[in-house]
Amino acid sequence: LDPHDFGIYAVALVVHAIVINVSDLGVGTALVRD
């Protein structure tokens, strides 16, 4: 792939990283602790 393709994917990855941080509202971690 060329750098332009990587740049487009990087933008999508930034959006995904922000959203995935709140995707389960942190309740999955509660199961690990319980």
PDB file of all heavy atoms in Angstrom:
ATOM      1  N   LEU A   1       0.836  -1.191   0.000  1.00  0.00           N
ATOM      2  CA  LEU A   1       0.000   0.000   0.000  1.00  0.00           C
ATOM      3  C   LEU A   1       0.877   1.249   0.000  1.00  0.00           C
ATOM      4  O   LEU A   1       2.032   1.202   0.420  1.00  0.00           O
ATOM      5  CB  LEU A   1      -0.909   0.011   1.234  1.00  0.00           C
ATOM      6  CG  LEU A   1      -1.891  -1.164   1.370  1.00  0.00           C
ATOM      7  CD1 LEU A   1      -2.652  -1.058   2.676  1.00  0.00           C
ATOM      8  CD2 LEU A   1      -2.862  -1.216   0.199  1.00  0.00           C
ATOM      9  N   ASP A   2       0.306   2.372  -0.440  1.00  0.00           N
ATOM     10  CA  ASP A   2       1.076   3.617  -0.435  1.00  0.00           C
ATOM     11  C   ASP A   2       0.771   4.413   0.834  1.00  0.00           C
ATOM     12  O   ASP A   2      -0.192   4.110   1.557  1.00  0.00           O
ATOM     13  CB  ASP A   2       0.776   4.450  -1.689  1.00  0.00           C
ATOM     14  CG  ASP A   2      -0.697   4.801  -1.821  1.00  0.00           C
ATOM     15  OD1 ASP A   2      -1.319   5.164  -0.800  1.00  0.00           O
ATOM     16  OD2 ASP A   2      -1.232   4.720  -2.941  1.00  0.00           O
ATOM     17  N   PRO A   3       1.571   5.439   1.142  1.00  0.00           N
ATOM     18  CA  PRO A   3       1.370   6.211   2.374  1.00  0.00           C
ATOM     19  C   PRO A   3      -0.013   6.848   2.483  1.00  0.00           C
ATOM     20  O   PRO A   3      -0.535   7.009   3.591  1.00  0.00           O
ATOM     21  CB  PRO A   3       2.469   7.278   2.288  1.00  0.00           C
ATOM     22  CG  PRO A   3       3.533   6.656   1.448  1.00  0.00           C
ATOM     23  CD  PRO A   3       2.810   5.822   0.434  1.00  0.00           C
ATOM     24  N   HIS A   4      -0.602   7.210   1.354  1.00  0.00           N
ATOM     25  CA  HIS A   4      -1.936   7.812   1.391  1.00  0.00           C
ATOM     26  C   HIS A   4      -2.952   6.847   1.974  1.00  0.00           C
ATOM     27  O   HIS A   4      -3.821   7.226   2.777  1.00  0.00           O
ATOM     28  CB  HIS A   4      -2.350   8.229  -0.029  1.00  0.00           C
ATOM     29  CG  HIS A   4      -3.726   8.820  -0.086  1.00  0.00           C
ATOM     30  ND1 HIS A   4      -4.831   8.082  -0.466  1.00  0.00           N
ATOM     31  CD2 HIS A   4      -4.184  10.072   0.196  1.00  0.00           C
ATOM     32  CE1 HIS A   4      -5.906   8.846  -0.428  1.00  0.00           C
ATOM     33  NE2 HIS A   4      -5.536  10.059  -0.027  1.00  0.00           N
ATOM     34  N   ASP A   5      -2.858   5.554   1.574  1.00  0.00           N
ATOM     35  CA  ASP A   5      -3.775   4.537   2.105  1.00  0.00           C
ATOM     36  C   ASP A   5      -3.589   4.386   3.614  1.00  0.00           C
ATOM     37  O   ASP A   5      -4.559   4.254   4.364  1.00  0.00           O
ATOM     38  CB  ASP A   5      -3.537   3.198   1.415  1.00  0.00           C
ATOM     39  CG  ASP A   5      -3.928   3.225  -0.056  1.00  0.00           C
ATOM     40  OD1 ASP A   5      -4.792   4.052  -0.415  1.00  0.00           O
ATOM     41  OD2 ASP A   5      -3.359   2.446  -0.844  1.00  0.00           O
ATOM     42  N   PHE A   6      -2.330   4.387   4.063  1.00  0.00           N
ATOM     43  CA  PHE A   6      -2.068   4.290   5.487  1.00  0.00           C
ATOM     44  C   PHE A   6      -2.642   5.494   6.230  1.00  0.00           C
ATOM     45  O   PHE A   6      -3.149   5.361   7.346  1.00  0.00           O
ATOM     46  CB  PHE A   6      -0.558   4.210   5.745  1.00  0.00           C
ATOM     47  CG  PHE A   6      -0.035   2.803   5.761  1.00  0.00           C
ATOM     48  CD1 PHE A   6       0.741   2.333   4.725  1.00  0.00           C
ATOM     49  CD2 PHE A   6      -0.314   1.954   6.818  1.00  0.00           C
ATOM     50  CE1 PHE A   6       1.230   1.037   4.729  1.00  0.00           C
ATOM     51  CE2 PHE A   6       0.170   0.668   6.850  1.00  0.00           C
ATOM     52  CZ  PHE A   6       0.949   0.193   5.801  1.00  0.00           C
ATOM     53  N   GLY A   7      -2.557   6.667   5.628  1.00  0.00           N
ATOM     54  CA  GLY A   7      -3.095   7.866   6.265  1.00  0.00           C
ATOM     55  C   GLY A   7      -4.599   7.779   6.463  1.00  0.00           C
ATOM     56  O   GLY A   7      -5.123   8.149   7.522  1.00  0.00           O
ATOM     57  N   ILE A   8      -5.304   7.279   5.447  1.00  0.00           N
ATOM     58  CA  ILE A   8      -6.757   7.121   5.553  1.00  0.00           C
ATOM     59  C   ILE A   8      -7.103   6.126   6.666  1.00  0.00           C
ATOM     60  O   ILE A   8      -7.983   6.364   7.498  1.00  0.00           O
ATOM     61  CB  ILE A   8      -7.341   6.659   4.202  1.00  0.00           C
ATOM     62  CG1 ILE A   8      -7.203   7.775   3.164  1.00  0.00           C
ATOM     63  CG2 ILE A   8      -8.798   6.241   4.356  1.00  0.00           C
ATOM     64  CD1 ILE A   8      -7.618   7.372   1.778  1.00  0.00           C
ATOM     65  N   TYR A   9      -6.385   5.007   6.686  1.00  0.00           N
ATOM     66  CA  TYR A   9      -6.628   4.001   7.724  1.00  0.00           C
ATOM     67  C   TYR A   9      -6.316   4.561   9.110  1.00  0.00           C
ATOM     68  O   TYR A   9      -7.027   4.278  10.083  1.00  0.00           O
ATOM     69  CB  TYR A   9      -5.776   2.766   7.451  1.00  0.00           C
ATOM     70  CG  TYR A   9      -5.879   1.702   8.516  1.00  0.00           C
ATOM     71  CD1 TYR A   9      -7.060   0.994   8.706  1.00  0.00           C
ATOM     72  CD2 TYR A   9      -4.794   1.421   9.348  1.00  0.00           C
ATOM     73  CE1 TYR A   9      -7.161   0.019   9.690  1.00  0.00           C
ATOM     74  CE2 TYR A   9      -4.877   0.447  10.323  1.00  0.00           C
ATOM     75  CZ  TYR A   9      -6.061  -0.238  10.491  1.00  0.00           C
ATOM     76  OH  TYR A   9      -6.150  -1.209  11.467  1.00  0.00           O
ATOM     77  N   ALA A  10      -5.261   5.383   9.213  1.00  0.00           N
ATOM     78  CA  ALA A  10      -4.887   5.975  10.502  1.00  0.00           C
ATOM     79  C   ALA A  10      -6.004   6.857  11.037  1.00  0.00           C
ATOM     80  O   ALA A  10      -6.288   6.862  12.239  1.00  0.00           O
ATOM     81  CB  ALA A  10      -3.592   6.768  10.363  1.00  0.00           C
ATOM     82  N   VAL A  11      -6.653   7.613  10.167  1.00  0.00           N
ATOM     83  CA  VAL A  11      -7.768   8.458  10.588  1.00  0.00           C
ATOM     84  C   VAL A  11      -8.900   7.593  11.134  1.00  0.00           C
ATOM     85  O   VAL A  11      -9.473   7.881  12.197  1.00  0.00           O
ATOM     86  CB  VAL A  11      -8.258   9.325   9.412  1.00  0.00           C
ATOM     87  CG1 VAL A  11      -9.585  10.000   9.756  1.00  0.00           C
ATOM     88  CG2 VAL A  11      -7.210  10.363   9.051  1.00  0.00           C
ATOM     89  N   ALA A  12      -9.240   6.520  10.420  1.00  0.00           N
ATOM     90  CA  ALA A  12     -10.299   5.619  10.885  1.00  0.00           C
ATOM     91  C   ALA A  12      -9.917   4.967  12.211  1.00  0.00           C
ATOM     92  O   ALA A  12     -10.762   4.768  13.097  1.00  0.00           O
ATOM     93  CB  ALA A  12     -10.575   4.547   9.825  1.00  0.00           C
ATOM     94  N   LEU A  13      -8.648   4.652  12.374  1.00  0.00           N
ATOM     95  CA  LEU A  13      -8.183   4.004  13.595  1.00  0.00           C
ATOM     96  C   LEU A  13      -8.274   4.952  14.787  1.00  0.00           C
ATOM     97  O   LEU A  13      -8.587   4.525  15.910  1.00  0.00           O
ATOM     98  CB  LEU A  13      -6.741   3.527  13.406  1.00  0.00           C
ATOM     99  CG  LEU A  13      -6.237   2.457  14.381  1.00  0.00           C
ATOM    100  CD1 LEU A  13      -7.089   1.208  14.294  1.00  0.00           C
ATOM    101  CD2 LEU A  13      -4.782   2.132  14.074  1.00  0.00           C
ATOM    102  N   VAL A  14      -8.024   6.242  14.552  1.00  0.00           N
ATOM    103  CA  VAL A  14      -8.161   7.233  15.623  1.00  0.00           C
ATOM    104  C   VAL A  14      -9.611   7.279  16.107  1.00  0.00           C
ATOM    105  O   VAL A  14      -9.884   7.260  17.323  1.00  0.00           O
ATOM    106  CB  VAL A  14      -7.708   8.617  15.140  1.00  0.00           C
ATOM    107  CG1 VAL A  14      -8.142   9.699  16.121  1.00  0.00           C
ATOM    108  CG2 VAL A  14      -6.199   8.656  14.965  1.00  0.00           C
ATOM    109  N   VAL A  15     -10.556   7.343  15.172  1.00  0.00           N
ATOM    110  CA  VAL A  15     -11.973   7.368  15.536  1.00  0.00           C
ATOM    111  C   VAL A  15     -12.344   6.110  16.315  1.00  0.00           C
ATOM    112  O   VAL A  15     -13.001   6.161  17.364  1.00  0.00           O
ATOM    113  CB  VAL A  15     -12.851   7.503  14.282  1.00  0.00           C
ATOM    114  CG1 VAL A  15     -14.330   7.403  14.655  1.00  0.00           C
ATOM    115  CG2 VAL A  15     -12.569   8.816  13.570  1.00  0.00           C
ATOM    116  N   HIS A  16     -11.885   4.959  15.818  1.00  0.00           N
ATOM    117  CA  HIS A  16     -12.196   3.684  16.467  1.00  0.00           C
ATOM    118  C   HIS A  16     -11.621   3.646  17.883  1.00  0.00           C
ATOM    119  O   HIS A  16     -12.284   3.177  18.821  1.00  0.00           O
ATOM    120  CB  HIS A  16     -11.638   2.539  15.632  1.00  0.00           C
ATOM    121  CG  HIS A  16     -11.903   1.179  16.206  1.00  0.00           C
ATOM    122  ND1 HIS A  16     -11.046   0.563  17.093  1.00  0.00           N
ATOM    123  CD2 HIS A  16     -12.928   0.316  16.022  1.00  0.00           C
ATOM    124  CE1 HIS A  16     -11.525  -0.606  17.426  1.00  0.00           C
ATOM    125  NE2 HIS A  16     -12.661  -0.789  16.802  1.00  0.00           N
ATOM    126  N   ALA A  17     -10.396   4.118  18.049  1.00  0.00           N
ATOM    127  CA  ALA A  17      -9.743   4.076  19.363  1.00  0.00           C
ATOM    128  C   ALA A  17     -10.506   4.916  20.381  1.00  0.00           C
ATOM    129  O   ALA A  17     -10.638   4.528  21.553  1.00  0.00           O
ATOM    130  CB  ALA A  17      -8.300   4.564  19.253  1.00  0.00           C
ATOM    131  N   ILE A  18     -11.024   6.061  19.955  1.00  0.00           N
ATOM    132  CA  ILE A  18     -11.787   6.913  20.868  1.00  0.00           C
ATOM    133  C   ILE A  18     -13.078   6.225  21.283  1.00  0.00           C
ATOM    134  O   ILE A  18     -13.443   6.178  22.470  1.00  0.00           O
ATOM    135  CB  ILE A  18     -12.086   8.273  20.207  1.00  0.00           C
ATOM    136  CG1 ILE A  18     -10.778   9.048  19.966  1.00  0.00           C
ATOM    137  CG2 ILE A  18     -13.023   9.096  21.079  1.00  0.00           C
ATOM    138  CD1 ILE A  18     -10.968  10.302  19.139  1.00  0.00           C
ATOM    139  N   VAL A  19     -13.792   5.658  20.322  1.00  0.00           N
ATOM    140  CA  VAL A  19     -15.098   5.064  20.603  1.00  0.00           C
ATOM    141  C   VAL A  19     -14.952   3.779  21.411  1.00  0.00           C
ATOM    142  O   VAL A  19     -15.739   3.518  22.342  1.00  0.00           O
ATOM    143  CB  VAL A  19     -15.861   4.804  19.287  1.00  0.00           C
ATOM    144  CG1 VAL A  19     -17.192   4.126  19.567  1.00  0.00           C
ATOM    145  CG2 VAL A  19     -16.085   6.110  18.539  1.00  0.00           C
ATOM    146  N   ILE A  20     -13.960   2.957  21.102  1.00  0.00           N
ATOM    147  CA  ILE A  20     -13.820   1.659  21.780  1.00  0.00           C
ATOM    148  C   ILE A  20     -13.522   1.848  23.256  1.00  0.00           C
ATOM    149  O   ILE A  20     -13.819   0.971  24.083  1.00  0.00           O
ATOM    150  CB  ILE A  20     -12.716   0.805  21.103  1.00  0.00           C
ATOM    151  CG1 ILE A  20     -12.873  -0.675  21.459  1.00  0.00           C
ATOM    152  CG2 ILE A  20     -11.334   1.301  21.482  1.00  0.00           C
ATOM    153  CD1 ILE A  20     -14.040  -1.346  20.849  1.00  0.00           C
ATOM    154  N   ASN A  21     -12.942   2.998  23.627  1.00  0.00           N
ATOM    155  CA  ASN A  21     -12.632   3.261  25.039  1.00  0.00           C
ATOM    156  C   ASN A  21     -13.877   3.370  25.906  1.00  0.00           C
ATOM    157  O   ASN A  21     -13.797   3.224  27.131  1.00  0.00           O
ATOM    158  CB  ASN A  21     -11.802   4.539  25.174  1.00  0.00           C
ATOM    159  CG  ASN A  21     -10.327   4.295  24.928  1.00  0.00           C
ATOM    160  OD1 ASN A  21      -9.793   3.268  25.305  1.00  0.00           O
ATOM    161  ND2 ASN A  21      -9.665   5.248  24.293  1.00  0.00           N
ATOM    162  N   VAL A  22     -15.024   3.667  25.298  1.00  0.00           N
ATOM    163  CA  VAL A  22     -16.259   3.816  26.076  1.00  0.00           C
ATOM    164  C   VAL A  22     -17.290   2.763  25.706  1.00  0.00           C
ATOM    165  O   VAL A  22     -18.437   2.837  26.155  1.00  0.00           O
ATOM    166  CB  VAL A  22     -16.857   5.231  25.876  1.00  0.00           C
ATOM    167  CG1 VAL A  22     -15.876   6.293  26.311  1.00  0.00           C
ATOM    168  CG2 VAL A  22     -17.245   5.464  24.404  1.00  0.00           C
ATOM    169  N   SER A  23     -16.904   1.755  24.936  1.00  0.00           N
ATOM    170  CA  SER A  23     -17.891   0.861  24.330  1.00  0.00           C
ATOM    171  C   SER A  23     -18.615  -0.039  25.325  1.00  0.00           C
ATOM    172  O   SER A  23     -19.736  -0.470  25.055  1.00  0.00           O
ATOM    173  CB  SER A  23     -17.228  -0.001  23.253  1.00  0.00           C
ATOM    174  OG  SER A  23     -16.228  -0.817  23.823  1.00  0.00           O
ATOM    175  N   ASP A  24     -17.998  -0.354  26.489  1.00  0.00           N
ATOM    176  CA  ASP A  24     -18.719  -1.193  27.453  1.00  0.00           C
ATOM    177  C   ASP A  24     -18.962  -0.471  28.777  1.00  0.00           C
ATOM    178  O   ASP A  24     -19.353  -1.091  29.765  1.00  0.00           O
ATOM    179  CB  ASP A  24     -17.979  -2.505  27.699  1.00  0.00           C
ATOM    180  CG  ASP A  24     -16.702  -2.320  28.506  1.00  0.00           C
ATOM    181  OD1 ASP A  24     -16.240  -1.169  28.618  1.00  0.00           O
ATOM    182  OD2 ASP A  24     -16.176  -3.326  29.014  1.00  0.00           O
ATOM    183  N   LEU A  25     -18.713   0.850  28.786  1.00  0.00           N
ATOM    184  CA  LEU A  25     -18.905   1.686  29.981  1.00  0.00           C
ATOM    185  C   LEU A  25     -18.110   1.182  31.181  1.00  0.00           C
ATOM    186  O   LEU A  25     -18.463   1.463  32.333  1.00  0.00           O
ATOM    187  CB  LEU A  25     -20.397   1.788  30.339  1.00  0.00           C
ATOM    188  CG  LEU A  25     -21.296   2.455  29.290  1.00  0.00           C
ATOM    189  CD1 LEU A  25     -22.727   2.548  29.794  1.00  0.00           C
ATOM    190  CD2 LEU A  25     -20.777   3.839  28.923  1.00  0.00           C
ATOM    191  N   GLY A  26     -17.051   0.431  30.934  1.00  0.00           N
ATOM    192  CA  GLY A  26     -16.170  -0.016  32.011  1.00  0.00           C
ATOM    193  C   GLY A  26     -16.703  -1.163  32.839  1.00  0.00           C
ATOM    194  O   GLY A  26     -16.050  -1.585  33.806  1.00  0.00           O
ATOM    195  N   VAL A  27     -17.861  -1.726  32.481  1.00  0.00           N
ATOM    196  CA  VAL A  27     -18.460  -2.770  33.330  1.00  0.00           C
ATOM    197  C   VAL A  27     -17.753  -4.111  33.167  1.00  0.00           C
ATOM    198  O   VAL A  27     -17.816  -4.959  34.060  1.00  0.00           O
ATOM    199  CB  VAL A  27     -19.969  -2.917  33.036  1.00  0.00           C
ATOM    200  CG1 VAL A  27     -20.715  -1.641  33.392  1.00  0.00           C
ATOM    201  CG2 VAL A  27     -20.222  -3.265  31.568  1.00  0.00           C
ATOM    202  N   GLY A  28     -17.080  -4.329  32.030  1.00  0.00           N
ATOM    203  CA  GLY A  28     -16.329  -5.577  31.873  1.00  0.00           C
ATOM    204  C   GLY A  28     -15.228  -5.701  32.907  1.00  0.00           C
ATOM    205  O   GLY A  28     -14.972  -6.789  33.446  1.00  0.00           O
ATOM    206  N   THR A  29     -14.573  -4.587  33.220  1.00  0.00           N
ATOM    207  CA  THR A  29     -13.513  -4.609  34.228  1.00  0.00           C
ATOM    208  C   THR A  29     -14.063  -4.987  35.597  1.00  0.00           C
ATOM    209  O   THR A  29     -13.357  -5.597  36.407  1.00  0.00           O
ATOM    210  CB  THR A  29     -12.843  -3.225  34.298  1.00  0.00           C
ATOM    211  OG1 THR A  29     -12.390  -2.863  32.999  1.00  0.00           O
ATOM    212  CG2 THR A  29     -11.658  -3.230  35.247  1.00  0.00           C
ATOM    213  N   ALA A  30     -15.311  -4.640  35.861  1.00  0.00           N
ATOM    214  CA  ALA A  30     -15.911  -5.001  37.143  1.00  0.00           C
ATOM    215  C   ALA A  30     -15.965  -6.514  37.331  1.00  0.00           C
ATOM    216  O   ALA A  30     -15.773  -7.014  38.440  1.00  0.00           O
ATOM    217  CB  ALA A  30     -17.313  -4.396  37.249  1.00  0.00           C
ATOM    218  N   LEU A  31     -16.218  -7.262  36.250  1.00  0.00           N
ATOM    219  CA  LEU A  31     -16.249  -8.722  36.352  1.00  0.00           C
ATOM    220  C   LEU A  31     -14.886  -9.287  36.728  1.00  0.00           C
ATOM    221  O   LEU A  31     -14.791 -10.275  37.448  1.00  0.00           O
ATOM    222  CB  LEU A  31     -16.710  -9.345  35.028  1.00  0.00           C
ATOM    223  CG  LEU A  31     -18.201  -9.331  34.713  1.00  0.00           C
ATOM    224  CD1 LEU A  31     -18.464 -10.167  33.465  1.00  0.00           C
ATOM    225  CD2 LEU A  31     -19.018  -9.848  35.872  1.00  0.00           C
ATOM    226  N   VAL A  32     -13.822  -8.667  36.213  1.00  0.00           N
ATOM    227  CA  VAL A  32     -12.475  -9.127  36.555  1.00  0.00           C
ATOM    228  C   VAL A  32     -12.227  -8.934  38.044  1.00  0.00           C
ATOM    229  O   VAL A  32     -11.605  -9.770  38.706  1.00  0.00           O
ATOM    230  CB  VAL A  32     -11.416  -8.353  35.738  1.00  0.00           C
ATOM    231  CG1 VAL A  32     -10.015  -8.837  36.075  1.00  0.00           C
ATOM    232  CG2 VAL A  32     -11.686  -8.508  34.242  1.00  0.00           C
ATOM    233  N   ARG A  33     -12.721  -7.852  38.596  1.00  0.00           N
ATOM    234  CA  ARG A  33     -12.489  -7.521  40.006  1.00  0.00           C
ATOM    235  C   ARG A  33     -13.402  -8.305  40.942  1.00  0.00           C
ATOM    236  O   ARG A  33     -13.011  -8.651  42.059  1.00  0.00           O
ATOM    237  CB  ARG A  33     -12.706  -6.019  40.204  1.00  0.00           C
ATOM    238  CG  ARG A  33     -12.619  -5.572  41.638  1.00  0.00           C
ATOM    239  CD  ARG A  33     -12.996  -4.112  41.791  1.00  0.00           C
ATOM    240  NE  ARG A  33     -13.003  -3.735  43.201  1.00  0.00           N
ATOM    241  CZ  ARG A  33     -14.059  -3.833  43.995  1.00  0.00           C
ATOM    242  NH1 ARG A  33     -15.204  -4.297  43.510  1.00  0.00           N
ATOM    243  NH2 ARG A  33     -13.978  -3.477  45.263  1.00  0.00           N
ATOM    244  N   ASP A  34     -14.638  -8.607  40.526  1.00  0.00           N
ATOM    245  CA  ASP A  34     -15.637  -9.207  41.414  1.00  0.00           C
ATOM    246  C   ASP A  34     -15.250 -10.619  41.841  1.00  0.00           C
ATOM    247  O   ASP A  34     -14.542 -11.339  41.121  1.00  0.00           O
ATOM    248  CB  ASP A  34     -16.997  -9.255  40.718  1.00  0.00           C
ATOM    249  CG  ASP A  34     -17.640  -7.881  40.601  1.00  0.00           C
ATOM    250  OD1 ASP A  34     -17.218  -6.964  41.329  1.00  0.00           O
ATOM    251  OD2 ASP A  34     -18.546  -7.735  39.765  1.00  0.00           O
TER     252      ASP A  34
END
